[in-house]
Structures are given as structure tokens and as C-alpha cells.
């Protein structure tokens, strides 16, 4: 893990079924970059931890166990989880500020992200869109409106 002085005050930790695949996808779809020397691989070759950055923010990715199911797959066999996912809102997720939310939206859409809402101006002076990643984690990307 990086020296704590290098990390923002709050760093979301997200679990993925396949961390290596998530790194590639988050890079392509959302513009994250992997932090060098912060990828940990198990003896069998499975990536168990990684850190990524976007702007001044950071996230940690992990694979907690071979039994872990991401939100999307879990909802396939759990009625309650399926119902939690019905609204297109980000109930549990990550909010990220970007410089150009419309360009970011296009990038995510072209990468095959599941779009929950198109960019729209909000009354709280932010333009946002909502999206799911490859495992079904929900994100809200926004840009302050001057």
C-alpha cells in the first residue's frame, strides 16, 4: 500500500470478482490509472489488491474471497438485491468530480458501461451522470456548474 501521506483523506475500497479485469476496464471506461508497485498478486497469479488514481482521488480494489459476487451477479440470485438495483440512482457508490462530464460520459458509454442516466444539470449546481461498472458497482460522475 502507498505511503499514507500520498493518499487522499478518504479512499473507497471496492471488491471485484476479477481485479485484473477491473483495472483494465476502469482505465478504459473511466480514465483511472493504476499506481505502480501497488498491485499484489497471489502465488496462483490472481490479483488480490491494486490502487488506482483519477485526478486527486484514489480507489483501492480487492478480491476478498473466491466466493465474492459483485452487485450485478449477486442480484441474479437474490430477490432483495435485485430490487435494490431497480432505481437508476446511486444508493451505495462512488461520487467523482471530473473536468468534462460530457466527455467522460461518452468515454464510459463507448467502453460499454451500463448507463443509468445521461448527463443532466442538477439543482445543487452540478452536472452529473450515473453509471455501473463491469461488476455492477454504481458511480456518479459530476462537474460543478459555475
C-alpha atoms as a PDB file:
ATOM      1  CA  UNK A   1       0.000   0.000   0.000  1.00  0.00           C
ATOM      2  CA  UNK A   2       1.244   3.521  -0.766  1.00  0.00           C
ATOM      3  CA  UNK A   3       2.608   5.737   1.993  1.00  0.00           C
ATOM      4  CA  UNK A   4      -0.458   7.188   3.735  1.00  0.00           C
ATOM      5  CA  UNK A   5       0.836  10.723   3.131  1.00  0.00           C
ATOM      6  CA  UNK A   6       0.360  10.106  -0.607  1.00  0.00           C
ATOM      7  CA  UNK A   7      -3.293   9.086  -0.312  1.00  0.00           C
ATOM      8  CA  UNK A   8      -6.311  11.389  -0.049  1.00  0.00           C
ATOM      9  CA  UNK A   9      -8.059  11.523   3.303  1.00  0.00           C
ATOM     10  CA  UNK A  10     -10.821   9.158   2.156  1.00  0.00           C
ATOM     11  CA  UNK A  11     -10.159   6.244  -0.207  1.00  0.00           C
ATOM     12  CA  UNK A  12     -13.055   3.990  -1.267  1.00  0.00           C
ATOM     13  CA  UNK A  13     -12.281   0.269  -1.238  1.00  0.00           C
ATOM     14  CA  UNK A  14     -14.202  -1.739  -3.839  1.00  0.00           C
ATOM     15  CA  UNK A  15     -14.263  -5.504  -4.246  1.00  0.00           C
ATOM     16  CA  UNK A  16     -14.228  -7.123  -7.671  1.00  0.00           C
ATOM     17  CA  UNK A  17     -14.579 -10.695  -8.824  1.00  0.00           C
ATOM     18  CA  UNK A  18     -11.566 -10.234 -11.135  1.00  0.00           C
ATOM     19  CA  UNK A  19      -9.325  -7.356 -10.042  1.00  0.00           C
ATOM     20  CA  UNK A  20      -7.033  -7.552 -13.097  1.00  0.00           C
ATOM     21  CA  UNK A  21     -10.043  -7.257 -15.424  1.00  0.00           C
ATOM     22  CA  UNK A  22     -11.457  -4.393 -13.318  1.00  0.00           C
ATOM     23  CA  UNK A  23      -8.151  -2.484 -13.575  1.00  0.00           C
ATOM     24  CA  UNK A  24      -8.235  -2.714 -17.362  1.00  0.00           C
ATOM     25  CA  UNK A  25     -11.921  -1.774 -17.531  1.00  0.00           C
ATOM     26  CA  UNK A  26     -11.707   1.180 -15.096  1.00  0.00           C
ATOM     27  CA  UNK A  27      -8.742   2.502 -17.072  1.00  0.00           C
ATOM     28  CA  UNK A  28     -10.519   2.232 -20.419  1.00  0.00           C
ATOM     29  CA  UNK A  29     -14.021   3.325 -19.344  1.00  0.00           C
ATOM     30  CA  UNK A  30     -13.424   5.879 -16.583  1.00  0.00           C
ATOM     31  CA  UNK A  31      -9.833   7.058 -17.167  1.00  0.00           C
ATOM     32  CA  UNK A  32      -8.305   5.725 -13.949  1.00  0.00           C
ATOM     33  CA  UNK A  33      -4.606   4.888 -13.905  1.00  0.00           C
ATOM     34  CA  UNK A  34      -3.043   2.121 -11.876  1.00  0.00           C
ATOM     35  CA  UNK A  35      -0.439   3.075  -9.269  1.00  0.00           C
ATOM     36  CA  UNK A  36       2.869   1.319  -9.921  1.00  0.00           C
ATOM     37  CA  UNK A  37       4.086  -1.135  -7.286  1.00  0.00           C
ATOM     38  CA  UNK A  38       0.639  -1.255  -5.634  1.00  0.00           C
ATOM     39  CA  UNK A  39      -0.590  -4.392  -7.388  1.00  0.00           C
ATOM     40  CA  UNK A  40      -0.420  -7.533  -5.273  1.00  0.00           C
ATOM     41  CA  UNK A  41      -0.659 -10.905  -6.953  1.00  0.00           C
ATOM     42  CA  UNK A  42      -1.268 -14.228  -5.215  1.00  0.00           C
ATOM     43  CA  UNK A  43       1.012 -17.208  -5.956  1.00  0.00           C
ATOM     44  CA  UNK A  44      -1.559 -18.599  -8.443  1.00  0.00           C
ATOM     45  CA  UNK A  45      -1.481 -15.335 -10.426  1.00  0.00           C
ATOM     46  CA  UNK A  46      -4.754 -13.810  -9.215  1.00  0.00           C
ATOM     47  CA  UNK A  47      -4.543 -10.085  -8.450  1.00  0.00           C
ATOM     48  CA  UNK A  48      -5.756  -9.568  -4.884  1.00  0.00           C
ATOM     49  CA  UNK A  49      -5.176  -5.808  -4.429  1.00  0.00           C
ATOM     50  CA  UNK A  50      -4.459  -2.727  -6.533  1.00  0.00           C
ATOM     51  CA  UNK A  51      -4.647   1.034  -6.207  1.00  0.00           C
ATOM     52  CA  UNK A  52      -5.802   3.456  -8.880  1.00  0.00           C
ATOM     53  CA  UNK A  53      -5.975   7.224  -9.264  1.00  0.00           C
ATOM     54  CA  UNK A  54      -8.142   9.707 -11.110  1.00  0.00           C
ATOM     55  CA  UNK A  55      -7.306  13.372 -10.654  1.00  0.00           C
ATOM     56  CA  UNK A  56      -6.662  13.939  -6.959  1.00  0.00           C
ATOM     57  CA  UNK A  57      -8.666  10.882  -5.879  1.00  0.00           C
ATOM     58  CA  UNK A  58      -7.816   7.252  -5.286  1.00  0.00           C
ATOM     59  CA  UNK A  59      -9.555   3.904  -5.010  1.00  0.00           C
ATOM     60  CA  UNK A  60      -8.385   0.529  -3.774  1.00  0.00           C
ATOM     61  CA  UNK A  61      -9.524  -2.639  -5.496  1.00  0.00           C
ATOM     62  CA  UNK A  62      -9.555  -6.030  -3.863  1.00  0.00           C
ATOM     63  CA  UNK A  63     -10.748  -9.569  -4.215  1.00  0.00           C
ATOM     64  CA  UNK A  64     -11.893 -10.646  -0.751  1.00  0.00           C
ATOM     65  CA  UNK A  65     -12.518 -14.338  -1.424  1.00  0.00           C
ATOM     66  CA  UNK A  66     -13.275 -16.792  -4.219  1.00  0.00           C
ATOM     67  CA  UNK A  67     -16.909 -16.721  -3.018  1.00  0.00           C
ATOM     68  CA  UNK A  68     -17.366 -12.975  -3.581  1.00  0.00           C
ATOM     69  CA  UNK A  69     -20.050 -11.892  -6.040  1.00  0.00           C
ATOM     70  CA  UNK A  70     -20.224  -8.367  -7.409  1.00  0.00           C
ATOM     71  CA  UNK A  71     -23.526  -6.479  -7.049  1.00  0.00           C
ATOM     72  CA  UNK A  72     -24.686  -7.388 -10.570  1.00  0.00           C
ATOM     73  CA  UNK A  73     -24.104 -11.134 -10.209  1.00  0.00           C
ATOM     74  CA  UNK A  74     -25.420 -11.222  -6.651  1.00  0.00           C
ATOM     75  CA  UNK A  75     -28.712  -9.710  -7.840  1.00  0.00           C
ATOM     76  CA  UNK A  76     -29.170 -12.633 -10.236  1.00  0.00           C
ATOM     77  CA  UNK A  77     -29.814 -14.979  -7.297  1.00  0.00           C
ATOM     78  CA  UNK A  78     -31.079 -12.611  -4.590  1.00  0.00           C
ATOM     79  CA  UNK A  79     -34.524 -11.002  -4.875  1.00  0.00           C
ATOM     80  CA  UNK A  80     -33.732  -8.265  -2.331  1.00  0.00           C
ATOM     81  CA  UNK A  81     -30.525  -7.283  -4.149  1.00  0.00           C
ATOM     82  CA  UNK A  82     -32.388  -7.270  -7.459  1.00  0.00           C
ATOM     83  CA  UNK A  83     -34.991  -4.879  -6.029  1.00  0.00           C
ATOM     84  CA  UNK A  84     -32.314  -2.570  -4.562  1.00  0.00           C
ATOM     85  CA  UNK A  85     -30.930  -2.171  -8.074  1.00  0.00           C
ATOM     86  CA  UNK A  86     -34.243  -1.209  -9.712  1.00  0.00           C
ATOM     87  CA  UNK A  87     -33.992   2.569  -9.329  1.00  0.00           C
ATOM     88  CA  UNK A  88     -31.378   4.198 -11.511  1.00  0.00           C
ATOM     89  CA  UNK A  89     -29.887   6.011  -8.549  1.00  0.00           C
ATOM     90  CA  UNK A  90     -26.566   5.602  -6.826  1.00  0.00           C
ATOM     91  CA  UNK A  91     -27.542   4.414  -3.358  1.00  0.00           C
ATOM     92  CA  UNK A  92     -24.186   2.856  -2.413  1.00  0.00           C
ATOM     93  CA  UNK A  93     -21.488   4.018  -4.747  1.00  0.00           C
ATOM     94  CA  UNK A  94     -18.772   6.484  -5.518  1.00  0.00           C
ATOM     95  CA  UNK A  95     -19.162  10.153  -6.490  1.00  0.00           C
ATOM     96  CA  UNK A  96     -16.304  11.519  -8.609  1.00  0.00           C
ATOM     97  CA  UNK A  97     -15.717  15.044  -9.908  1.00  0.00           C
ATOM     98  CA  UNK A  98     -14.252  15.305 -13.417  1.00  0.00           C
ATOM     99  CA  UNK A  99     -13.276  18.256 -15.602  1.00  0.00           C
ATOM    100  CA  UNK A 100     -15.633  17.472 -18.511  1.00  0.00           C
ATOM    101  CA  UNK A 101     -18.564  15.275 -17.519  1.00  0.00           C
ATOM    102  CA  UNK A 102     -19.966  15.080 -21.060  1.00  0.00           C
ATOM    103  CA  UNK A 103     -16.655  13.801 -22.479  1.00  0.00           C
ATOM    104  CA  UNK A 104     -16.351  11.387 -19.560  1.00  0.00           C
ATOM    105  CA  UNK A 105     -19.877  10.128 -20.233  1.00  0.00           C
ATOM    106  CA  UNK A 106     -19.036   9.474 -23.898  1.00  0.00           C
ATOM    107  CA  UNK A 107     -15.886   7.562 -22.915  1.00  0.00           C
ATOM    108  CA  UNK A 108     -17.789   5.360 -20.444  1.00  0.00           C
ATOM    109  CA  UNK A 109     -20.592   4.718 -22.932  1.00  0.00           C
ATOM    110  CA  UNK A 110     -18.142   3.793 -25.712  1.00  0.00           C
ATOM    111  CA  UNK A 111     -16.439   1.350 -23.311  1.00  0.00           C
ATOM    112  CA  UNK A 112     -19.767  -0.415 -22.743  1.00  0.00           C
ATOM    113  CA  UNK A 113     -20.586   0.882 -19.269  1.00  0.00           C
ATOM    114  CA  UNK A 114     -24.184   0.435 -18.150  1.00  0.00           C
ATOM    115  CA  UNK A 115     -25.564   3.976 -18.261  1.00  0.00           C
ATOM    116  CA  UNK A 116     -28.142   4.715 -15.553  1.00  0.00           C
ATOM    117  CA  UNK A 117     -28.718   8.360 -16.529  1.00  0.00           C
ATOM    118  CA  UNK A 118     -27.386  10.739 -19.159  1.00  0.00           C
ATOM    119  CA  UNK A 119     -25.592  13.940 -18.112  1.00  0.00           C
ATOM    120  CA  UNK A 120     -28.034  16.439 -16.646  1.00  0.00           C
ATOM    121  CA  UNK A 121     -27.810  19.651 -14.651  1.00  0.00           C
ATOM    122  CA  UNK A 122     -28.810  19.284 -11.016  1.00  0.00           C
ATOM    123  CA  UNK A 123     -30.283  21.978  -8.740  1.00  0.00           C
ATOM    124  CA  UNK A 124     -27.209  21.689  -6.496  1.00  0.00           C
ATOM    125  CA  UNK A 125     -25.024  23.305  -9.201  1.00  0.00           C
ATOM    126  CA  UNK A 126     -23.535  20.153 -10.634  1.00  0.00           C
ATOM    127  CA  UNK A 127     -23.912  18.362 -13.977  1.00  0.00           C
ATOM    128  CA  UNK A 128     -23.926  14.596 -13.384  1.00  0.00           C
ATOM    129  CA  UNK A 129     -24.465  11.201 -14.940  1.00  0.00           C
ATOM    130  CA  UNK A 130     -24.880   7.823 -13.272  1.00  0.00           C
ATOM    131  CA  UNK A 131     -23.292   4.572 -14.422  1.00  0.00           C
ATOM    132  CA  UNK A 132     -22.499   0.993 -13.420  1.00  0.00           C
ATOM    133  CA  UNK A 133     -19.120  -0.638 -13.864  1.00  0.00           C
ATOM    134  CA  UNK A 134     -18.441  -4.174 -15.083  1.00  0.00           C
ATOM    135  CA  UNK A 135     -19.337  -5.763 -11.707  1.00  0.00           C
ATOM    136  CA  UNK A 136     -22.374  -3.562 -11.078  1.00  0.00           C
ATOM    137  CA  UNK A 137     -20.866  -1.017  -8.681  1.00  0.00           C
ATOM    138  CA  UNK A 138     -22.614   2.308  -9.157  1.00  0.00           C
ATOM    139  CA  UNK A 139     -20.798   5.569  -9.799  1.00  0.00           C
ATOM    140  CA  UNK A 140     -21.912   9.171 -10.203  1.00  0.00           C
ATOM    141  CA  UNK A 141     -19.583  11.421 -12.181  1.00  0.00           C
ATOM    142  CA  UNK A 142     -20.107  15.144 -11.893  1.00  0.00           C
ATOM    143  CA  UNK A 143     -18.810  18.535 -12.913  1.00  0.00           C
ATOM    144  CA  UNK A 144     -19.524  21.704 -10.943  1.00  0.00           C
ATOM    145  CA  UNK A 145     -21.624  24.265 -12.808  1.00  0.00           C
ATOM    146  CA  UNK A 146     -20.137  27.767 -12.474  1.00  0.00           C
END
